[in-house]
Amino acid sequence: RSVFLALDRAGAERLVFAPDPAGCVFATQADMVAAHPAVGRELDPQGLFNFLYFYQVPAPGSIYKGMQKLLPGQWAYWKKGELSQGFYWALRYRDEPRNDFDAQSARFHALLREGVSRAKGEDDVAAFLSGGTDSSTVCGVLKEITGQAQTYSIGFDAEGFDEMEYARLAAKRFGLSIHEYYLKPEDIVSAIPIIAGHYDEPFANESAVPAYFCAKLAAGDGFRAMLAGDGGDEIFGGNARYAKQKVFEAYHVIPELARKGLIEPLTRLPGLSALPPVRKARSYVRQANVPLPERMETYNYVYRQPLAEMFAPDFLAIVDTRQPAALLKEVYDRADTDSFINRMLHLDIKFTLADSDLRKVTGMTEAAGIDVRYPLLDDAMIDFSGEVPPNWKVKGQYLRWFFKTALKGFLPDEIINKSKHGFGLPFGLWAKDYAPLRERIEDRLTGLKKRGLLQPAYIDHLRNEHMSGHATYFGKMIWNLLILEEWLEAKGF
């Protein structure tokens, strides 16, 4: 008559449950819970809206009615119809500066070796290698520990997307056995039904495609486990938005009297708005006055749209369009820190890692028949990251200062100094130029128009903008809609 559920600290695993007075159904997959006759497969309009906003359905919500997903570090206890919830663990953040870099660097290197050793265990493992700092570090440490490392990398024959040169740099530095595969447009077409069919909820992180082909190559070579470098950006401060938000937060260091009484009235003076510096200043002030974390959503595609033009009226009437902002705020505010840098990191552990990147890699390795482990998200490493002060995570505008400085001499300088990329996907470009992919998109968008979710005219507008305008920008939303319709069809809706 009772059940206790809990999820790991990083949210690398998943736990879905449906509580009601008569019982509690739980599983690692939402569709497993939905298969129980006491629960059912009724789609939740809010889950559909949240998917279109986030490109996945973030916890605690689900695509199905009556279900919840646990958050990282969260527990739930159901007993005789009553449900209680809480967090058994929270990352402790240090906000104060420190001056013992050498000692902390030594700790960091020791934790790296311990984390990779624990993740490897007694198994013969391969590793993802994108050529970024995280995957290169994991592969380098793996080679250092075992004397050999089989790595897998994906390239793209598309300008601005291919990072293979950095993967080769890492392979040369550490003596890795690198396996390369260049993704082609036809690979996307073949991967779409695999992605749609494998995930228990619609999931539109487009990097799932290269992740799947990487894992498939390793599985084909006989490996049953891989190491992935996910997590370094989100615990050590590597995403560009951390530095960008520092610029906006600096505005609030100015005394309020000067901001409200001088700067903002000046930006509104008639006749000055035509001047480029004034236009730029007004834009800066407008963004700075939007509080975090909502300010980061000004770059979100759905956030920027007139929702009445995008969504069907009947659908829009039954969803809470402010729920995404509320979900973000809850996680941001719950962080035990006064630093906005640490709060953004806390937010990304949940939304970027648990809801997106870990789900992407775990799902696609499962689809390829292989296990995946995350050395940088070892419990000891996560705890240690909380002790790294925010001014070591983002030093001025320099991202991941501590991580990169501690690894100088270990990683090639070219990898340390490169901009973040990862396994991107030139979907938007190929969706214009490759006929079989273009035809599949047209077919699925035609089906989506009949669902009563989006305005048919809006779908046409989006597709026209994609074909005639910025293919990469609009391609992301096209991928989102394509995957949604593919998932709905694959699941029989």
Protein backbone atom coordinates (compact mmCIF):
# COMPACT_ATOMS: atom_id res chain seq x y z
CA ARG A 1 0.00 0.00 0.00
CA SER A 2 2.96 2.35 -0.44
CA VAL A 3 5.76 3.14 -2.87
CA PHE A 4 8.87 5.30 -2.57
CA LEU A 5 10.44 6.67 -5.76
CA ALA A 6 13.64 8.67 -6.24
CA LEU A 7 15.72 9.89 -9.18
CA ASP A 8 19.49 10.30 -9.51
CA ARG A 9 21.11 13.69 -8.90
CA ALA A 10 21.71 14.64 -12.52
CA GLY A 11 18.52 13.17 -13.97
CA ALA A 12 20.40 10.78 -16.25
CA GLU A 13 17.65 8.23 -15.60
CA ARG A 14 13.91 8.81 -15.78
CA LEU A 15 10.99 7.93 -13.54
CA VAL A 16 7.36 8.52 -14.50
CA PHE A 17 4.40 7.90 -12.23
CA ALA A 18 0.63 8.31 -12.15
CA PRO A 19 -0.77 8.57 -8.61
CA ASP A 20 -4.45 8.37 -7.73
CA PRO A 21 -6.43 7.29 -4.65
CA ALA A 22 -6.55 3.66 -5.77
CA GLY A 23 -2.88 3.13 -6.55
CA CYS A 24 0.32 4.43 -8.11
CA VAL A 25 1.58 3.24 -11.48
CA PHE A 26 5.26 3.92 -12.18
CA ALA A 27 7.90 3.06 -14.80
CA THR A 28 10.95 4.48 -16.52
CA GLN A 29 8.88 5.33 -19.62
CA ALA A 30 5.72 7.38 -19.96
CA ASP A 31 4.22 5.03 -22.55
CA MET A 32 4.65 2.11 -20.13
CA VAL A 33 2.62 3.98 -17.52
CA ALA A 34 0.06 4.94 -20.18
CA ALA A 35 -0.34 1.26 -21.09
CA HIS A 36 -1.87 0.55 -17.67
CA PRO A 37 -5.69 0.51 -17.95
CA ALA A 38 -6.03 2.65 -14.84
CA VAL A 39 -4.09 5.47 -16.53
CA GLY A 40 -4.66 5.50 -20.30
CA ARG A 41 -3.13 7.30 -23.28
CA GLU A 42 -4.98 10.62 -23.33
CA LEU A 43 -2.71 13.40 -24.58
CA ASP A 44 -2.30 16.43 -22.34
CA PRO A 45 -2.69 19.73 -24.26
CA GLN A 46 -0.32 21.39 -21.80
CA GLY A 47 2.28 18.73 -22.53
CA LEU A 48 1.91 19.43 -26.26
CA PHE A 49 2.32 23.17 -25.71
CA ASN A 50 5.36 22.64 -23.51
CA PHE A 51 6.89 20.38 -26.15
CA LEU A 52 6.50 23.03 -28.85
CA TYR A 53 8.06 25.58 -26.47
CA PHE A 54 11.00 23.51 -25.16
CA TYR A 55 11.40 20.92 -28.00
CA GLN A 56 10.79 18.25 -25.35
CA VAL A 57 8.30 17.79 -22.51
CA PRO A 58 10.19 18.90 -19.39
CA ALA A 59 9.63 17.33 -15.98
CA PRO A 60 7.45 17.32 -13.97
CA GLY A 61 4.94 17.34 -16.83
CA SER A 62 4.20 14.64 -19.36
CA ILE A 63 2.69 14.34 -22.81
CA TYR A 64 -0.02 12.19 -21.18
CA LYS A 65 -2.68 13.31 -18.74
CA GLY A 66 -2.44 12.16 -15.14
CA MET A 67 1.33 11.59 -15.14
CA GLN A 68 4.30 13.23 -13.48
CA LYS A 69 8.06 12.90 -13.96
CA LEU A 70 10.54 13.21 -11.13
CA LEU A 71 13.11 16.00 -11.24
CA PRO A 72 16.84 15.43 -10.57
CA GLY A 73 17.43 14.67 -6.91
CA GLN A 74 13.69 14.42 -6.16
CA TRP A 75 11.68 11.78 -4.30
CA ALA A 76 7.99 10.94 -4.19
CA TYR A 77 6.17 8.84 -1.58
CA TRP A 78 2.69 7.46 -2.22
CA LYS A 79 0.82 5.77 0.62
CA LYS A 80 -2.85 4.85 0.70
CA GLY A 81 -3.80 7.49 -1.84
CA GLU A 82 -1.71 10.33 -0.41
CA LEU A 83 1.33 11.72 -2.25
CA SER A 84 4.20 13.68 -0.74
CA GLN A 85 7.31 14.94 -2.54
CA GLY A 86 10.63 16.59 -1.80
CA PHE A 87 14.33 16.68 -2.65
CA TYR A 88 16.78 14.30 -0.98
CA TRP A 89 19.76 16.21 -2.38
CA ALA A 90 20.59 19.70 -3.60
CA LEU A 91 23.91 20.97 -4.91
CA ARG A 92 25.63 23.28 -2.44
CA TYR A 93 27.03 26.30 -4.22
CA ARG A 94 29.91 28.44 -3.01
CA ASP A 95 29.45 32.10 -3.96
CA GLU A 96 32.56 33.48 -2.25
CA PRO A 97 35.87 33.84 -4.17
CA ARG A 98 38.81 31.60 -3.29
CA ASN A 99 42.58 31.83 -3.80
CA ASP A 100 43.73 28.21 -3.82
CA PHE A 101 43.69 27.48 -7.55
CA ASP A 102 46.61 25.04 -7.51
CA ALA A 103 45.05 22.90 -4.77
CA GLN A 104 41.64 22.89 -6.47
CA SER A 105 43.21 22.08 -9.84
CA ALA A 106 44.92 19.05 -8.29
CA ARG A 107 41.58 17.93 -6.78
CA PHE A 108 39.90 18.39 -10.14
CA HIS A 109 42.44 16.22 -11.97
CA ALA A 110 42.13 13.50 -9.34
CA LEU A 111 38.32 13.57 -9.60
CA LEU A 112 38.54 13.34 -13.39
CA ARG A 113 40.56 10.14 -13.17
CA GLU A 114 38.30 8.71 -10.47
CA GLY A 115 35.14 9.59 -12.42
CA VAL A 116 36.36 8.04 -15.66
CA SER A 117 37.58 4.95 -13.79
CA ARG A 118 34.23 4.51 -12.05
CA ALA A 119 32.31 5.01 -15.30
CA LYS A 120 34.49 2.52 -17.12
CA GLY A 121 34.36 -0.10 -14.38
CA GLU A 122 35.56 -3.49 -15.56
CA ASP A 123 34.09 -3.06 -19.04
CA ASP A 124 35.75 -2.45 -22.37
CA VAL A 125 34.27 0.93 -23.28
CA ALA A 126 34.35 3.29 -26.27
CA ALA A 127 33.82 7.07 -26.10
CA PHE A 128 32.09 9.86 -27.97
CA LEU A 129 34.51 12.44 -29.37
CA SER A 130 33.13 15.70 -30.77
CA GLY A 131 36.41 17.60 -30.43
CA GLY A 132 35.06 19.87 -27.67
CA THR A 133 36.68 20.30 -24.27
CA ASP A 134 34.43 17.79 -22.49
CA SER A 135 34.62 14.83 -24.83
CA SER A 136 38.33 15.44 -25.49
CA THR A 137 39.01 15.48 -21.74
CA VAL A 138 37.11 12.24 -21.12
CA CYS A 139 38.86 10.51 -24.04
CA GLY A 140 42.27 11.77 -22.92
CA VAL A 141 41.78 10.58 -19.36
CA LEU A 142 40.46 7.22 -20.61
CA LYS A 143 43.63 6.76 -22.66
CA GLU A 144 45.76 7.81 -19.68
CA ILE A 145 44.09 5.24 -17.43
CA THR A 146 43.79 2.27 -19.77
CA GLY A 147 46.54 2.84 -22.31
CA GLN A 148 44.05 2.77 -25.18
CA ALA A 149 40.82 4.48 -26.21
CA GLN A 150 38.46 3.76 -29.11
CA THR A 151 36.58 6.95 -29.98
CA TYR A 152 33.74 7.77 -32.39
CA SER A 153 33.21 11.08 -34.17
CA ILE A 154 30.64 12.46 -36.59
CA GLY A 155 31.43 14.94 -39.35
CA PHE A 156 29.23 16.99 -41.69
CA ASP A 157 29.93 18.00 -45.25
CA ALA A 158 28.36 21.41 -44.59
CA GLU A 159 30.16 24.70 -43.96
CA GLY A 160 30.06 25.86 -40.35
CA PHE A 161 29.03 22.48 -38.94
CA ASP A 162 32.01 20.18 -39.31
CA GLU A 163 34.22 19.89 -36.19
CA MET A 164 36.22 16.85 -37.24
CA GLU A 165 39.50 18.79 -37.26
CA TYR A 166 39.26 19.22 -33.48
CA ALA A 167 38.45 15.56 -32.93
CA ARG A 168 41.54 14.71 -34.94
CA LEU A 169 43.61 17.13 -32.85
CA ALA A 170 42.50 15.33 -29.69
CA ALA A 171 43.20 11.95 -31.29
CA LYS A 172 46.70 13.06 -32.24
CA ARG A 173 47.45 14.54 -28.81
CA PHE A 174 46.37 11.47 -26.85
CA GLY A 175 47.02 8.70 -29.38
CA LEU A 176 43.34 7.78 -29.66
CA SER A 177 41.95 5.25 -32.12
CA ILE A 178 39.45 7.50 -33.86
CA HIS A 179 36.54 6.19 -35.93
CA GLU A 180 34.96 8.80 -38.21
CA TYR A 181 31.66 8.90 -40.05
CA TYR A 182 30.39 11.74 -42.21
CA LEU A 183 26.64 12.14 -41.89
CA LYS A 184 24.64 12.48 -45.10
CA PRO A 185 21.13 13.85 -45.74
CA GLU A 186 19.81 10.32 -46.35
CA ASP A 187 20.96 9.39 -42.84
CA ILE A 188 18.54 11.93 -41.41
CA VAL A 189 15.67 10.43 -43.39
CA SER A 190 16.51 6.95 -42.09
CA ALA A 191 16.93 8.19 -38.49
CA ILE A 192 13.64 10.10 -38.22
CA PRO A 193 11.39 7.04 -37.64
CA ILE A 194 13.95 5.60 -35.19
CA ILE A 195 13.92 8.80 -33.12
CA ALA A 196 10.14 9.14 -33.26
CA GLY A 197 9.57 5.50 -32.40
CA HIS A 198 12.13 5.14 -29.63
CA TYR A 199 11.26 8.03 -27.33
CA ASP A 200 8.24 7.65 -25.08
CA GLU A 201 7.37 11.33 -25.57
CA PRO A 202 7.99 13.63 -28.54
CA PHE A 203 11.64 14.70 -28.40
CA ALA A 204 13.20 17.13 -30.88
CA ASN A 205 16.83 17.66 -29.93
CA GLU A 206 18.22 17.40 -33.46
CA SER A 207 21.63 16.25 -32.18
CA ALA A 208 19.94 12.91 -31.52
CA VAL A 209 20.77 12.02 -35.14
CA PRO A 210 24.59 12.18 -34.86
CA ALA A 211 24.41 10.67 -31.36
CA TYR A 212 22.55 7.67 -32.79
CA PHE A 213 25.01 7.10 -35.63
CA CYS A 214 27.98 7.42 -33.27
CA ALA A 215 26.50 4.83 -30.92
CA LYS A 216 25.52 2.59 -33.84
CA LEU A 217 29.12 2.56 -35.09
CA ALA A 218 30.46 1.63 -31.65
CA ALA A 219 27.83 -1.09 -31.22
CA GLY A 220 28.71 -2.45 -34.64
CA ASP A 221 32.31 -2.79 -33.49
CA GLY A 222 31.21 -4.90 -30.54
CA PHE A 223 31.12 -2.32 -27.74
CA ARG A 224 28.35 -2.49 -25.18
CA ALA A 225 29.14 0.73 -23.30
CA MET A 226 30.29 4.25 -24.17
CA LEU A 227 31.52 7.23 -22.19
CA ALA A 228 30.02 10.65 -23.01
CA GLY A 229 31.36 14.06 -22.02
CA ASP A 230 28.02 15.72 -21.30
CA GLY A 231 27.75 17.98 -18.26
CA GLY A 232 30.92 20.07 -18.19
CA ASP A 233 29.29 23.21 -19.56
CA GLU A 234 26.39 23.03 -17.13
CA ILE A 235 28.44 22.54 -13.96
CA PHE A 236 31.53 24.63 -14.80
CA GLY A 237 30.04 27.54 -16.78
CA GLY A 238 30.58 26.87 -20.48
CA ASN A 239 27.46 28.14 -22.23
CA ALA A 240 27.61 31.52 -23.98
CA ARG A 241 24.45 32.76 -22.26
CA TYR A 242 26.27 32.88 -18.91
CA ALA A 243 28.66 35.55 -20.21
CA LYS A 244 25.90 37.33 -22.12
CA GLN A 245 23.69 37.64 -19.06
CA LYS A 246 26.60 39.13 -17.10
CA VAL A 247 26.41 42.10 -19.46
CA PHE A 248 22.71 42.62 -18.72
CA GLU A 249 23.10 42.04 -14.98
CA ALA A 250 25.78 44.77 -14.89
CA TYR A 251 23.04 47.31 -15.62
CA HIS A 252 21.54 46.72 -12.19
CA VAL A 253 24.82 47.64 -10.49
CA ILE A 254 24.11 51.23 -11.55
CA PRO A 255 22.15 53.09 -8.82
CA GLU A 256 18.41 52.99 -9.44
CA LEU A 257 18.17 56.79 -9.39
CA ALA A 258 20.57 57.00 -12.34
CA ARG A 259 18.83 54.18 -14.21
CA LYS A 260 15.26 55.36 -13.76
CA GLY A 261 15.92 59.08 -13.59
CA LEU A 262 18.53 59.57 -16.29
CA ILE A 263 19.43 56.62 -18.55
CA GLU A 264 15.95 55.31 -19.32
CA PRO A 265 14.33 58.74 -19.94
CA LEU A 266 17.21 59.57 -22.33
CA THR A 267 16.57 56.42 -24.39
CA ARG A 268 12.93 57.49 -24.81
CA LEU A 269 13.51 61.06 -25.96
CA PRO A 270 11.65 61.83 -29.23
CA GLY A 271 13.90 62.16 -32.25
CA LEU A 272 16.79 60.20 -30.79
CA SER A 273 15.44 56.74 -31.58
CA ALA A 274 16.74 56.94 -35.14
CA LEU A 275 20.33 57.11 -33.90
CA PRO A 276 21.95 53.62 -33.87
CA PRO A 277 23.64 54.09 -30.44
CA VAL A 278 20.34 55.13 -28.86
CA ARG A 279 18.47 52.23 -30.49
CA LYS A 280 21.09 49.85 -29.15
CA ALA A 281 20.95 51.39 -25.68
CA ARG A 282 17.16 51.17 -25.60
CA SER A 283 17.29 47.50 -26.61
CA TYR A 284 19.87 46.83 -23.90
CA VAL A 285 17.79 48.57 -21.22
CA ARG A 286 14.64 46.76 -22.31
CA GLN A 287 16.31 43.36 -22.06
CA ALA A 288 18.13 44.17 -18.82
CA ASN A 289 14.81 45.06 -17.18
CA VAL A 290 13.38 41.61 -17.87
CA PRO A 291 14.32 39.53 -14.79
CA LEU A 292 16.20 36.25 -15.00
CA PRO A 293 15.46 33.55 -15.95
CA GLU A 294 12.73 34.90 -18.24
CA ARG A 295 15.23 37.23 -19.93
CA MET A 296 16.94 34.23 -21.53
CA GLU A 297 13.62 33.24 -23.11
CA THR A 298 13.62 36.35 -25.30
CA TYR A 299 15.62 34.15 -27.70
CA ASN A 300 13.07 31.32 -27.58
CA TYR A 301 11.19 30.91 -30.86
CA VAL A 302 7.73 30.43 -29.34
CA TYR A 303 8.24 33.14 -26.69
CA ARG A 304 8.81 35.66 -29.49
CA GLN A 305 5.74 34.72 -31.54
CA PRO A 306 2.26 36.25 -31.38
CA LEU A 307 0.66 33.11 -29.94
CA ALA A 308 -2.77 33.85 -31.40
CA GLU A 309 -1.25 33.78 -34.87
CA MET A 310 0.66 30.56 -34.18
CA PHE A 311 -1.81 28.34 -32.30
CA ALA A 312 -5.36 27.29 -33.08
CA PRO A 313 -7.83 29.28 -30.90
CA ASP A 314 -9.47 26.23 -29.29
CA PHE A 315 -6.06 24.79 -28.35
CA LEU A 316 -4.75 28.08 -27.00
CA ALA A 317 -7.83 28.46 -24.81
CA ILE A 318 -7.10 25.28 -22.81
CA VAL A 319 -3.38 25.70 -22.09
CA ASP A 320 -1.45 27.89 -19.67
CA THR A 321 0.94 29.83 -21.89
CA ARG A 322 2.82 31.08 -18.84
CA GLN A 323 3.63 27.62 -17.52
CA PRO A 324 7.04 27.39 -19.26
CA ALA A 325 8.17 30.59 -17.54
CA ALA A 326 6.87 29.29 -14.20
CA LEU A 327 8.74 25.99 -14.61
CA LEU A 328 11.98 27.84 -15.31
CA LYS A 329 11.49 30.23 -12.40
CA GLU A 330 10.86 27.43 -9.91
CA VAL A 331 14.20 25.76 -10.67
CA TYR A 332 16.08 29.07 -10.87
CA ASP A 333 14.72 30.29 -7.53
CA ARG A 334 15.25 26.95 -5.77
CA ALA A 335 19.05 27.09 -6.17
CA ASP A 336 20.79 27.61 -2.81
CA THR A 337 22.92 30.53 -3.98
CA ASP A 338 22.86 34.31 -4.37
CA SER A 339 24.87 34.20 -7.61
CA PHE A 340 22.93 34.51 -10.86
CA ILE A 341 25.70 32.48 -12.56
CA ASN A 342 25.13 29.58 -10.18
CA ARG A 343 21.36 29.92 -10.57
CA MET A 344 21.68 29.66 -14.36
CA LEU A 345 23.87 26.58 -13.92
CA HIS A 346 21.26 25.06 -11.60
CA LEU A 347 18.62 25.78 -14.24
CA ASP A 348 20.71 24.11 -16.95
CA ILE A 349 21.36 20.95 -14.93
CA LYS A 350 17.62 20.42 -15.05
CA PHE A 351 16.49 21.78 -18.43
CA THR A 352 19.60 21.44 -20.64
CA LEU A 353 20.96 18.22 -19.16
CA ALA A 354 18.20 16.16 -17.55
CA ASP A 355 15.37 17.14 -19.92
CA SER A 356 17.40 17.37 -23.12
CA ASP A 357 21.03 16.34 -23.55
CA LEU A 358 21.11 13.31 -21.25
CA ARG A 359 17.79 12.13 -22.57
CA LYS A 360 19.10 12.54 -26.10
CA VAL A 361 22.29 10.53 -25.58
CA THR A 362 20.74 7.88 -23.33
CA GLY A 363 17.83 7.40 -25.73
CA MET A 364 19.94 7.09 -28.85
CA THR A 365 22.49 4.75 -27.29
CA GLU A 366 19.58 2.58 -26.16
CA ALA A 367 18.22 2.61 -29.70
CA ALA A 368 21.63 1.45 -30.94
CA GLY A 369 21.76 -1.30 -28.31
CA ILE A 370 24.52 0.17 -26.17
CA ASP A 371 24.87 1.62 -22.65
CA VAL A 372 26.18 5.12 -21.90
CA ARG A 373 27.89 6.60 -18.84
CA TYR A 374 28.71 10.20 -17.91
CA PRO A 375 32.04 10.60 -16.04
CA LEU A 376 31.73 14.38 -15.67
CA LEU A 377 28.44 13.86 -13.81
CA ASP A 378 29.98 11.56 -11.23
CA ASP A 379 28.52 12.52 -7.84
CA ALA A 380 31.90 13.63 -6.50
CA MET A 381 32.54 15.84 -9.54
CA ILE A 382 29.11 17.47 -9.28
CA ASP A 383 29.73 18.21 -5.58
CA PHE A 384 33.15 19.63 -6.42
CA SER A 385 31.68 21.93 -9.10
CA GLY A 386 29.57 23.58 -6.42
CA GLU A 387 32.75 24.56 -4.57
CA VAL A 388 34.13 26.34 -7.64
CA PRO A 389 33.12 30.00 -7.18
CA PRO A 390 31.18 31.81 -9.93
CA ASN A 391 34.09 34.12 -10.74
CA TRP A 392 36.15 31.01 -11.61
CA LYS A 393 33.35 29.63 -13.77
CA VAL A 394 32.86 32.81 -15.82
CA LYS A 395 35.81 35.15 -15.37
CA GLY A 396 34.84 38.40 -17.04
CA GLN A 397 33.57 37.13 -20.39
CA TYR A 398 35.82 34.04 -20.34
CA LEU A 399 33.73 30.89 -20.06
CA ARG A 400 34.79 27.87 -17.98
CA TRP A 401 37.89 29.67 -16.75
CA PHE A 402 38.71 27.16 -14.02
CA PHE A 403 38.06 24.07 -16.14
CA LYS A 404 40.09 25.30 -19.11
CA THR A 405 42.93 26.78 -17.07
CA ALA A 406 43.27 23.59 -15.05
CA LEU A 407 43.52 21.59 -18.30
CA LYS A 408 46.14 23.76 -20.01
CA GLY A 409 49.00 21.54 -21.05
CA PHE A 410 46.70 18.50 -21.06
CA LEU A 411 44.31 19.53 -23.84
CA PRO A 412 45.59 21.10 -27.07
CA ASP A 413 45.34 24.92 -26.95
CA GLU A 414 43.23 24.87 -30.12
CA ILE A 415 40.52 22.86 -28.32
CA ILE A 416 40.67 24.99 -25.17
CA ASN A 417 40.27 28.18 -27.21
CA LYS A 418 37.62 26.96 -29.68
CA SER A 419 34.03 28.10 -29.42
CA LYS A 420 31.41 25.63 -28.18
CA HIS A 421 29.82 23.54 -30.93
CA GLY A 422 29.15 19.87 -30.20
CA PHE A 423 27.32 17.50 -32.52
CA GLY A 424 25.27 20.10 -34.41
CA LEU A 425 23.14 19.13 -37.40
CA PRO A 426 22.74 20.98 -40.73
CA PHE A 427 19.09 19.93 -40.88
CA GLY A 428 17.80 23.32 -41.98
CA LEU A 429 20.13 23.37 -44.99
CA TRP A 430 19.47 19.80 -46.03
CA ALA A 431 15.71 20.24 -45.56
CA LYS A 432 15.83 22.78 -48.39
CA ASP A 433 18.14 20.97 -50.77
CA TYR A 434 17.59 17.22 -50.35
CA ALA A 435 14.40 16.17 -52.14
CA PRO A 436 13.46 13.02 -50.11
CA LEU A 437 13.78 14.97 -46.84
CA ARG A 438 11.89 17.93 -48.27
CA GLU A 439 9.07 15.66 -49.42
CA ARG A 440 8.83 13.93 -46.05
CA ILE A 441 8.59 17.30 -44.32
CA GLU A 442 5.80 18.44 -46.64
CA ASP A 443 3.85 15.23 -46.01
CA ARG A 444 4.18 15.44 -42.21
CA LEU A 445 3.36 19.15 -42.04
CA THR A 446 0.22 18.44 -44.06
CA GLY A 447 -0.78 15.89 -41.43
CA LEU A 448 0.00 18.27 -38.58
CA LYS A 449 -2.30 20.93 -40.05
CA LYS A 450 -5.25 18.62 -39.35
CA ARG A 451 -4.45 18.21 -35.64
CA GLY A 452 -6.03 21.45 -34.43
CA LEU A 453 -2.85 22.54 -32.62
CA LEU A 454 -1.39 25.16 -34.93
CA GLN A 455 -2.87 27.57 -37.43
CA PRO A 456 -2.46 25.99 -40.90
CA ALA A 457 -1.52 29.42 -42.27
CA TYR A 458 1.23 29.67 -39.67
CA ILE A 459 2.72 26.31 -40.70
CA ASP A 460 2.73 27.52 -44.33
CA HIS A 461 4.35 30.79 -43.29
CA LEU A 462 7.04 28.97 -41.32
CA ARG A 463 7.84 26.66 -44.21
CA ASN A 464 7.99 29.56 -46.68
CA GLU A 465 10.34 31.49 -44.39
CA HIS A 466 12.52 28.41 -44.07
CA MET A 467 12.73 27.87 -47.83
CA SER A 468 13.37 31.52 -48.69
CA GLY A 469 15.08 32.92 -45.61
CA HIS A 470 17.38 31.75 -42.84
CA ALA A 471 17.37 27.98 -43.29
CA THR A 472 19.16 27.14 -40.03
CA TYR A 473 17.03 29.43 -37.82
CA PHE A 474 13.64 28.37 -39.16
CA GLY A 475 14.86 24.82 -39.68
CA LYS A 476 14.90 24.24 -35.92
CA MET A 477 11.16 24.85 -35.66
CA ILE A 478 10.53 22.80 -38.80
CA TRP A 479 12.39 19.90 -37.14
CA ASN A 480 10.27 20.39 -34.03
CA LEU A 481 7.02 20.12 -35.99
CA LEU A 482 8.29 17.24 -38.10
CA ILE A 483 9.24 15.19 -35.03
CA LEU A 484 5.91 15.93 -33.33
CA GLU A 485 3.88 14.61 -36.27
CA GLU A 486 6.24 11.64 -36.70
CA TRP A 487 5.82 10.76 -33.02
CA LEU A 488 2.03 11.13 -33.10
CA GLU A 489 1.82 8.86 -36.13
CA ALA A 490 4.29 6.33 -34.70
CA LYS A 491 2.30 6.09 -31.46
CA GLY A 492 -1.04 5.72 -33.26
CA PHE A 493 -2.61 9.12 -32.56
